[in-house]
């Protein structure tokens, strides 16, 4: 067992007859081929290798897949992909694989409904273990990401935030939007995750930026007086 991974049991385990087939989606074709090869050599059944979210959802439905392994850089964004697949193929779990652990993206993926998150730094063995755990109906959380998940459960997003070195007092919604923006999420992805309109997301971003501009002169003035 990969000691750097931990699994947290979900509230409902799947039926014993649940599918163990896998759909590999997103990322460069050579990367998908490598992942497919790693899983196949481990005795796991990969039923489809697709490039985008819509094909992944269709394949998951068609093959009644137990798991969709999506690349964090899938076209359209992995958060959108997680939600889309969960809606179109609810019987399939979704596991996100990324080049490295990103706490913010991990939290966003779990909130969107992903069964877990695994980074490529865990190697082929770690990927296989993560897939097996996810197929068993458990959540896959890298040990290094558990702290971030606990902090999220305890406190959620706070109104105190910063842009650069400037401490800002943001509304809770502004902080939520800015937090996701820092992870590289697009306006559309943020709107989808927070159930807001694109216009509302842009308004929150503009408000936070305005507060940063207003805070900067004060900070500079204080620095000059010291």
C-alpha atoms as a PDB file:
ATOM      1  CA  UNK A   1       0.000   0.000   0.000  1.00  0.00           C
ATOM      2  CA  UNK A   2       1.204   3.479  -0.815  1.00  0.00           C
ATOM      3  CA  UNK A   3       1.854   4.990   2.634  1.00  0.00           C
ATOM      4  CA  UNK A   4       1.381   8.520   1.288  1.00  0.00           C
ATOM      5  CA  UNK A   5      -2.284   7.871   0.540  1.00  0.00           C
ATOM      6  CA  UNK A   6      -5.173   7.584   2.907  1.00  0.00           C
ATOM      7  CA  UNK A   7      -8.760   6.604   2.151  1.00  0.00           C
ATOM      8  CA  UNK A   8     -11.834   7.930   3.885  1.00  0.00           C
ATOM      9  CA  UNK A   9     -14.911   5.712   3.709  1.00  0.00           C
ATOM     10  CA  UNK A  10     -17.954   7.254   2.071  1.00  0.00           C
ATOM     11  CA  UNK A  11     -21.374   7.039   3.669  1.00  0.00           C
ATOM     12  CA  UNK A  12     -22.718   4.404   1.311  1.00  0.00           C
ATOM     13  CA  UNK A  13     -20.667   1.616  -0.185  1.00  0.00           C
ATOM     14  CA  UNK A  14     -21.636   0.410  -3.660  1.00  0.00           C
ATOM     15  CA  UNK A  15     -23.412  -2.873  -4.278  1.00  0.00           C
ATOM     16  CA  UNK A  16     -21.153  -5.883  -4.558  1.00  0.00           C
ATOM     17  CA  UNK A  17     -22.075  -6.129  -8.230  1.00  0.00           C
ATOM     18  CA  UNK A  18     -20.903  -2.616  -9.077  1.00  0.00           C
ATOM     19  CA  UNK A  19     -18.874  -2.284 -12.256  1.00  0.00           C
ATOM     20  CA  UNK A  20     -15.089  -2.241 -12.030  1.00  0.00           C
ATOM     21  CA  UNK A  21     -14.606  -0.898 -15.547  1.00  0.00           C
ATOM     22  CA  UNK A  22     -12.783   2.386 -16.051  1.00  0.00           C
ATOM     23  CA  UNK A  23     -12.955   5.294 -18.495  1.00  0.00           C
ATOM     24  CA  UNK A  24      -9.748   7.307 -18.931  1.00  0.00           C
ATOM     25  CA  UNK A  25     -10.407  10.889 -20.007  1.00  0.00           C
ATOM     26  CA  UNK A  26      -8.628  14.159 -20.754  1.00  0.00           C
ATOM     27  CA  UNK A  27      -5.017  15.162 -21.067  1.00  0.00           C
ATOM     28  CA  UNK A  28      -2.579  14.402 -23.875  1.00  0.00           C
ATOM     29  CA  UNK A  29      -3.238  11.210 -25.828  1.00  0.00           C
ATOM     30  CA  UNK A  30       0.171   9.784 -24.870  1.00  0.00           C
ATOM     31  CA  UNK A  31      -0.537  10.431 -21.194  1.00  0.00           C
ATOM     32  CA  UNK A  32      -3.891   8.651 -21.465  1.00  0.00           C
ATOM     33  CA  UNK A  33      -2.224   5.752 -23.234  1.00  0.00           C
ATOM     34  CA  UNK A  34       0.337   5.455 -20.439  1.00  0.00           C
ATOM     35  CA  UNK A  35      -2.337   5.480 -17.741  1.00  0.00           C
ATOM     36  CA  UNK A  36      -4.385   2.945 -19.651  1.00  0.00           C
ATOM     37  CA  UNK A  37      -1.337   0.694 -19.942  1.00  0.00           C
ATOM     38  CA  UNK A  38      -0.521   1.004 -16.220  1.00  0.00           C
ATOM     39  CA  UNK A  39      -4.081   0.102 -15.213  1.00  0.00           C
ATOM     40  CA  UNK A  40      -4.365  -2.733 -17.722  1.00  0.00           C
ATOM     41  CA  UNK A  41      -1.100  -4.305 -16.545  1.00  0.00           C
ATOM     42  CA  UNK A  42      -2.518  -4.231 -13.019  1.00  0.00           C
ATOM     43  CA  UNK A  43      -5.484  -6.301 -14.193  1.00  0.00           C
ATOM     44  CA  UNK A  44      -7.980  -3.432 -14.297  1.00  0.00           C
ATOM     45  CA  UNK A  45     -10.409  -3.083 -17.194  1.00  0.00           C
ATOM     46  CA  UNK A  46     -10.169   0.161 -19.173  1.00  0.00           C
ATOM     47  CA  UNK A  47     -13.202   0.293 -21.480  1.00  0.00           C
ATOM     48  CA  UNK A  48     -12.643   3.696 -23.077  1.00  0.00           C
ATOM     49  CA  UNK A  49      -9.954   6.296 -23.680  1.00  0.00           C
ATOM     50  CA  UNK A  50     -11.471   9.679 -24.586  1.00  0.00           C
ATOM     51  CA  UNK A  51     -10.300  13.260 -24.893  1.00  0.00           C
ATOM     52  CA  UNK A  52     -13.140  15.323 -23.509  1.00  0.00           C
ATOM     53  CA  UNK A  53     -15.870  15.544 -20.890  1.00  0.00           C
ATOM     54  CA  UNK A  54     -18.913  14.813 -23.039  1.00  0.00           C
ATOM     55  CA  UNK A  55     -17.335  11.664 -24.492  1.00  0.00           C
ATOM     56  CA  UNK A  56     -16.293  10.587 -21.007  1.00  0.00           C
ATOM     57  CA  UNK A  57     -19.865  10.887 -19.740  1.00  0.00           C
ATOM     58  CA  UNK A  58     -21.252   9.012 -22.759  1.00  0.00           C
ATOM     59  CA  UNK A  59     -18.677   6.234 -22.376  1.00  0.00           C
ATOM     60  CA  UNK A  60     -19.414   5.931 -18.654  1.00  0.00           C
ATOM     61  CA  UNK A  61     -23.123   5.533 -19.449  1.00  0.00           C
ATOM     62  CA  UNK A  62     -22.599   3.173 -22.376  1.00  0.00           C
ATOM     63  CA  UNK A  63     -20.222   0.827 -20.550  1.00  0.00           C
ATOM     64  CA  UNK A  64     -21.802   1.337 -17.116  1.00  0.00           C
ATOM     65  CA  UNK A  65     -18.339   2.201 -15.856  1.00  0.00           C
ATOM     66  CA  UNK A  66     -17.515   2.133 -12.178  1.00  0.00           C
ATOM     67  CA  UNK A  67     -14.983   4.949 -12.434  1.00  0.00           C
ATOM     68  CA  UNK A  68     -13.939   7.801 -14.704  1.00  0.00           C
ATOM     69  CA  UNK A  69     -10.291   8.826 -14.309  1.00  0.00           C
ATOM     70  CA  UNK A  70     -10.032  12.414 -15.540  1.00  0.00           C
ATOM     71  CA  UNK A  71      -6.957  14.547 -16.087  1.00  0.00           C
ATOM     72  CA  UNK A  72      -6.914  17.786 -14.107  1.00  0.00           C
ATOM     73  CA  UNK A  73      -6.177  19.654 -17.344  1.00  0.00           C
ATOM     74  CA  UNK A  74      -9.136  18.239 -19.273  1.00  0.00           C
ATOM     75  CA  UNK A  75     -10.570  20.743 -21.753  1.00  0.00           C
ATOM     76  CA  UNK A  76     -13.215  22.924 -20.102  1.00  0.00           C
ATOM     77  CA  UNK A  77     -11.791  22.373 -16.617  1.00  0.00           C
ATOM     78  CA  UNK A  78     -11.820  19.384 -14.290  1.00  0.00           C
ATOM     79  CA  UNK A  79     -14.410  20.877 -11.918  1.00  0.00           C
ATOM     80  CA  UNK A  80     -16.919  21.229 -14.731  1.00  0.00           C
ATOM     81  CA  UNK A  81     -16.013  17.710 -15.874  1.00  0.00           C
ATOM     82  CA  UNK A  82     -16.614  16.241 -12.403  1.00  0.00           C
ATOM     83  CA  UNK A  83     -20.060  17.842 -12.152  1.00  0.00           C
ATOM     84  CA  UNK A  84     -21.044  16.979 -15.717  1.00  0.00           C
ATOM     85  CA  UNK A  85     -20.080  13.324 -15.408  1.00  0.00           C
ATOM     86  CA  UNK A  86     -21.745  13.045 -11.989  1.00  0.00           C
ATOM     87  CA  UNK A  87     -24.978  14.367 -13.513  1.00  0.00           C
ATOM     88  CA  UNK A  88     -24.887  12.289 -16.707  1.00  0.00           C
ATOM     89  CA  UNK A  89     -23.455   9.063 -15.273  1.00  0.00           C
ATOM     90  CA  UNK A  90     -24.292   9.100 -11.527  1.00  0.00           C
ATOM     91  CA  UNK A  91     -23.343   5.448 -11.018  1.00  0.00           C
ATOM     92  CA  UNK A  92     -19.732   6.169 -11.988  1.00  0.00           C
ATOM     93  CA  UNK A  93     -17.288   7.606  -9.495  1.00  0.00           C
ATOM     94  CA  UNK A  94     -14.844  10.279 -10.663  1.00  0.00           C
ATOM     95  CA  UNK A  95     -11.163  10.382  -9.730  1.00  0.00           C
ATOM     96  CA  UNK A  96      -8.997  13.361 -10.701  1.00  0.00           C
ATOM     97  CA  UNK A  97      -5.328  12.838 -11.548  1.00  0.00           C
ATOM     98  CA  UNK A  98      -2.930  15.796 -11.712  1.00  0.00           C
ATOM     99  CA  UNK A  99       0.767  16.408 -12.228  1.00  0.00           C
ATOM    100  CA  UNK A 100       1.090  17.447  -8.575  1.00  0.00           C
ATOM    101  CA  UNK A 101      -1.049  17.973  -5.499  1.00  0.00           C
ATOM    102  CA  UNK A 102      -2.967  21.262  -5.495  1.00  0.00           C
ATOM    103  CA  UNK A 103      -4.917  21.733  -2.257  1.00  0.00           C
ATOM    104  CA  UNK A 104      -7.369  24.225  -3.725  1.00  0.00           C
ATOM    105  CA  UNK A 105      -8.114  22.042  -6.726  1.00  0.00           C
ATOM    106  CA  UNK A 106      -8.435  19.008  -4.462  1.00  0.00           C
ATOM    107  CA  UNK A 107     -11.060  20.786  -2.346  1.00  0.00           C
ATOM    108  CA  UNK A 108     -12.894  22.076  -5.410  1.00  0.00           C
ATOM    109  CA  UNK A 109     -12.972  18.596  -6.971  1.00  0.00           C
ATOM    110  CA  UNK A 110     -14.305  16.986  -3.785  1.00  0.00           C
ATOM    111  CA  UNK A 111     -16.954  19.698  -3.430  1.00  0.00           C
ATOM    112  CA  UNK A 112     -17.972  19.080  -7.042  1.00  0.00           C
ATOM    113  CA  UNK A 113     -18.521  15.393  -6.278  1.00  0.00           C
ATOM    114  CA  UNK A 114     -15.225  13.695  -7.130  1.00  0.00           C
ATOM    115  CA  UNK A 115     -14.422  10.502  -5.275  1.00  0.00           C
ATOM    116  CA  UNK A 116     -10.867  11.655  -4.861  1.00  0.00           C
ATOM    117  CA  UNK A 117      -7.672  13.213  -6.171  1.00  0.00           C
ATOM    118  CA  UNK A 118      -4.291  11.651  -6.923  1.00  0.00           C
ATOM    119  CA  UNK A 119      -1.069  13.247  -8.141  1.00  0.00           C
ATOM    120  CA  UNK A 120       1.345  11.662 -10.577  1.00  0.00           C
ATOM    121  CA  UNK A 121       4.112  12.022  -8.005  1.00  0.00           C
ATOM    122  CA  UNK A 122       2.786   8.851  -6.372  1.00  0.00           C
ATOM    123  CA  UNK A 123       3.897   6.861  -9.415  1.00  0.00           C
ATOM    124  CA  UNK A 124       2.250   3.951 -11.190  1.00  0.00           C
ATOM    125  CA  UNK A 125       1.716   1.987  -7.980  1.00  0.00           C
ATOM    126  CA  UNK A 126       0.017   4.924  -6.322  1.00  0.00           C
ATOM    127  CA  UNK A 127      -2.284   5.414  -9.295  1.00  0.00           C
ATOM    128  CA  UNK A 128      -3.323   1.764  -9.300  1.00  0.00           C
ATOM    129  CA  UNK A 129      -3.939   1.811  -5.554  1.00  0.00           C
ATOM    130  CA  UNK A 130      -5.986   5.008  -5.809  1.00  0.00           C
ATOM    131  CA  UNK A 131      -8.116   3.555  -8.606  1.00  0.00           C
ATOM    132  CA  UNK A 132      -8.725   0.339  -6.666  1.00  0.00           C
ATOM    133  CA  UNK A 133      -9.773   2.313  -3.583  1.00  0.00           C
ATOM    134  CA  UNK A 134     -12.107   4.507  -5.627  1.00  0.00           C
ATOM    135  CA  UNK A 135     -13.646   1.471  -7.340  1.00  0.00           C
ATOM    136  CA  UNK A 136     -14.327   0.055  -3.872  1.00  0.00           C
ATOM    137  CA  UNK A 137     -16.514   3.080  -3.187  1.00  0.00           C
ATOM    138  CA  UNK A 138     -14.124   4.962  -0.912  1.00  0.00           C
ATOM    139  CA  UNK A 139     -12.718   8.467  -1.167  1.00  0.00           C
ATOM    140  CA  UNK A 140      -9.076   8.873  -2.122  1.00  0.00           C
ATOM    141  CA  UNK A 141      -7.290  11.748  -0.405  1.00  0.00           C
ATOM    142  CA  UNK A 142      -3.482  12.119  -0.555  1.00  0.00           C
ATOM    143  CA  UNK A 143      -2.114  12.246   2.972  1.00  0.00           C
ATOM    144  CA  UNK A 144      -0.624  15.678   2.264  1.00  0.00           C
ATOM    145  CA  UNK A 145      -4.095  16.983   1.415  1.00  0.00           C
ATOM    146  CA  UNK A 146      -5.935  15.749   4.509  1.00  0.00           C
ATOM    147  CA  UNK A 147      -5.053  18.858   6.521  1.00  0.00           C
ATOM    148  CA  UNK A 148      -6.558  21.155   3.895  1.00  0.00           C
ATOM    149  CA  UNK A 149      -9.718  19.053   3.834  1.00  0.00           C
ATOM    150  CA  UNK A 150     -10.029  19.175   7.631  1.00  0.00           C
ATOM    151  CA  UNK A 151      -9.540  22.953   7.621  1.00  0.00           C
ATOM    152  CA  UNK A 152     -12.278  23.284   5.021  1.00  0.00           C
ATOM    153  CA  UNK A 153     -14.692  21.220   7.116  1.00  0.00           C
ATOM    154  CA  UNK A 154     -13.867  23.135  10.291  1.00  0.00           C
ATOM    155  CA  UNK A 155     -13.957  26.672   9.044  1.00  0.00           C
ATOM    156  CA  UNK A 156     -14.707  26.971   5.362  1.00  0.00           C
ATOM    157  CA  UNK A 157     -13.734  30.116   3.526  1.00  0.00           C
ATOM    158  CA  UNK A 158     -13.097  33.128   5.717  1.00  0.00           C
ATOM    159  CA  UNK A 159     -13.848  36.743   4.897  1.00  0.00           C
ATOM    160  CA  UNK A 160     -10.220  37.715   5.538  1.00  0.00           C
ATOM    161  CA  UNK A 161      -8.178  37.396   2.364  1.00  0.00           C
ATOM    162  CA  UNK A 162      -5.271  39.018   0.600  1.00  0.00           C
ATOM    163  CA  UNK A 163      -4.151  40.015  -2.855  1.00  0.00           C
ATOM    164  CA  UNK A 164      -0.387  40.162  -3.053  1.00  0.00           C
ATOM    165  CA  UNK A 165       0.744  41.370   0.361  1.00  0.00           C
ATOM    166  CA  UNK A 166      -2.428  43.373   1.002  1.00  0.00           C
ATOM    167  CA  UNK A 167      -4.793  42.092   3.705  1.00  0.00           C
ATOM    168  CA  UNK A 168      -8.397  42.623   2.611  1.00  0.00           C
ATOM    169  CA  UNK A 169     -11.768  42.312   4.265  1.00  0.00           C
ATOM    170  CA  UNK A 170     -13.915  40.584   1.668  1.00  0.00           C
ATOM    171  CA  UNK A 171     -17.465  39.349   1.873  1.00  0.00           C
ATOM    172  CA  UNK A 172     -17.759  35.580   2.182  1.00  0.00           C
ATOM    173  CA  UNK A 173     -18.851  35.279  -1.447  1.00  0.00           C
ATOM    174  CA  UNK A 174     -16.003  37.503  -2.665  1.00  0.00           C
ATOM    175  CA  UNK A 175     -13.544  35.336  -0.733  1.00  0.00           C
ATOM    176  CA  UNK A 176     -15.038  32.169  -2.237  1.00  0.00           C
ATOM    177  CA  UNK A 177     -14.742  33.590  -5.746  1.00  0.00           C
ATOM    178  CA  UNK A 178     -11.181  34.838  -5.234  1.00  0.00           C
ATOM    179  CA  UNK A 179     -10.099  31.546  -3.688  1.00  0.00           C
ATOM    180  CA  UNK A 180     -11.211  29.668  -6.782  1.00  0.00           C
ATOM    181  CA  UNK A 181      -9.767  32.253  -9.144  1.00  0.00           C
ATOM    182  CA  UNK A 182      -6.322  31.673  -7.619  1.00  0.00           C
ATOM    183  CA  UNK A 183      -6.524  27.989  -8.592  1.00  0.00           C
ATOM    184  CA  UNK A 184      -6.898  28.982 -12.240  1.00  0.00           C
ATOM    185  CA  UNK A 185     -10.621  28.306 -12.492  1.00  0.00           C
ATOM    186  CA  UNK A 186     -12.382  30.259 -15.238  1.00  0.00           C
ATOM    187  CA  UNK A 187     -15.308  32.593 -14.600  1.00  0.00           C
ATOM    188  CA  UNK A 188     -17.632  29.980 -16.055  1.00  0.00           C
ATOM    189  CA  UNK A 189     -16.248  27.232 -13.784  1.00  0.00           C
ATOM    190  CA  UNK A 190     -16.591  29.434 -10.709  1.00  0.00           C
ATOM    191  CA  UNK A 191     -20.142  30.334 -11.653  1.00  0.00           C
ATOM    192  CA  UNK A 192     -21.004  26.683 -12.194  1.00  0.00           C
ATOM    193  CA  UNK A 193     -19.542  25.540  -8.879  1.00  0.00           C
ATOM    194  CA  UNK A 194     -21.069  28.331  -6.787  1.00  0.00           C
ATOM    195  CA  UNK A 195     -24.366  28.301  -8.680  1.00  0.00           C
ATOM    196  CA  UNK A 196     -23.990  31.925  -9.726  1.00  0.00           C
ATOM    197  CA  UNK A 197     -24.288  33.735 -13.047  1.00  0.00           C
ATOM    198  CA  UNK A 198     -21.145  34.744 -14.949  1.00  0.00           C
ATOM    199  CA  UNK A 199     -22.119  38.386 -14.394  1.00  0.00           C
ATOM    200  CA  UNK A 200     -22.320  37.899 -10.617  1.00  0.00           C
ATOM    201  CA  UNK A 201     -18.905  36.231 -10.521  1.00  0.00           C
ATOM    202  CA  UNK A 202     -17.405  39.124 -12.511  1.00  0.00           C
ATOM    203  CA  UNK A 203     -19.046  41.569 -10.122  1.00  0.00           C
ATOM    204  CA  UNK A 204     -17.438  39.859  -7.112  1.00  0.00           C
ATOM    205  CA  UNK A 205     -14.045  39.826  -8.845  1.00  0.00           C
ATOM    206  CA  UNK A 206     -14.364  43.534  -9.656  1.00  0.00           C
ATOM    207  CA  UNK A 207     -15.363  44.336  -6.089  1.00  0.00           C
ATOM    208  CA  UNK A 208     -12.362  42.466  -4.653  1.00  0.00           C
ATOM    209  CA  UNK A 209     -10.032  44.191  -7.127  1.00  0.00           C
ATOM    210  CA  UNK A 210     -11.477  47.582  -6.207  1.00  0.00           C
ATOM    211  CA  UNK A 211     -10.879  46.891  -2.514  1.00  0.00           C
ATOM    212  CA  UNK A 212      -7.274  45.993  -3.328  1.00  0.00           C
ATOM    213  CA  UNK A 213      -6.779  49.288  -5.180  1.00  0.00           C
ATOM    214  CA  UNK A 214      -8.292  51.203  -2.276  1.00  0.00           C
ATOM    215  CA  UNK A 215      -6.075  49.410   0.252  1.00  0.00           C
ATOM    216  CA  UNK A 216      -2.817  49.965  -1.637  1.00  0.00           C
ATOM    217  CA  UNK A 217      -2.490  53.776  -1.189  1.00  0.00           C
ATOM    218  CA  UNK A 218      -3.110  53.439   2.558  1.00  0.00           C
ATOM    219  CA  UNK A 219      -0.471  50.742   2.825  1.00  0.00           C
ATOM    220  CA  UNK A 220       2.059  52.862   0.904  1.00  0.00           C
ATOM    221  CA  UNK A 221       1.298  55.939   2.997  1.00  0.00           C
ATOM    222  CA  UNK A 222       1.837  54.032   6.223  1.00  0.00           C
ATOM    223  CA  UNK A 223       5.098  52.715   4.870  1.00  0.00           C
ATOM    224  CA  UNK A 224       6.314  56.234   4.041  1.00  0.00           C
ATOM    225  CA  UNK A 225       5.474  57.530   7.506  1.00  0.00           C
ATOM    226  CA  UNK A 226       7.420  54.830   9.324  1.00  0.00           C
END
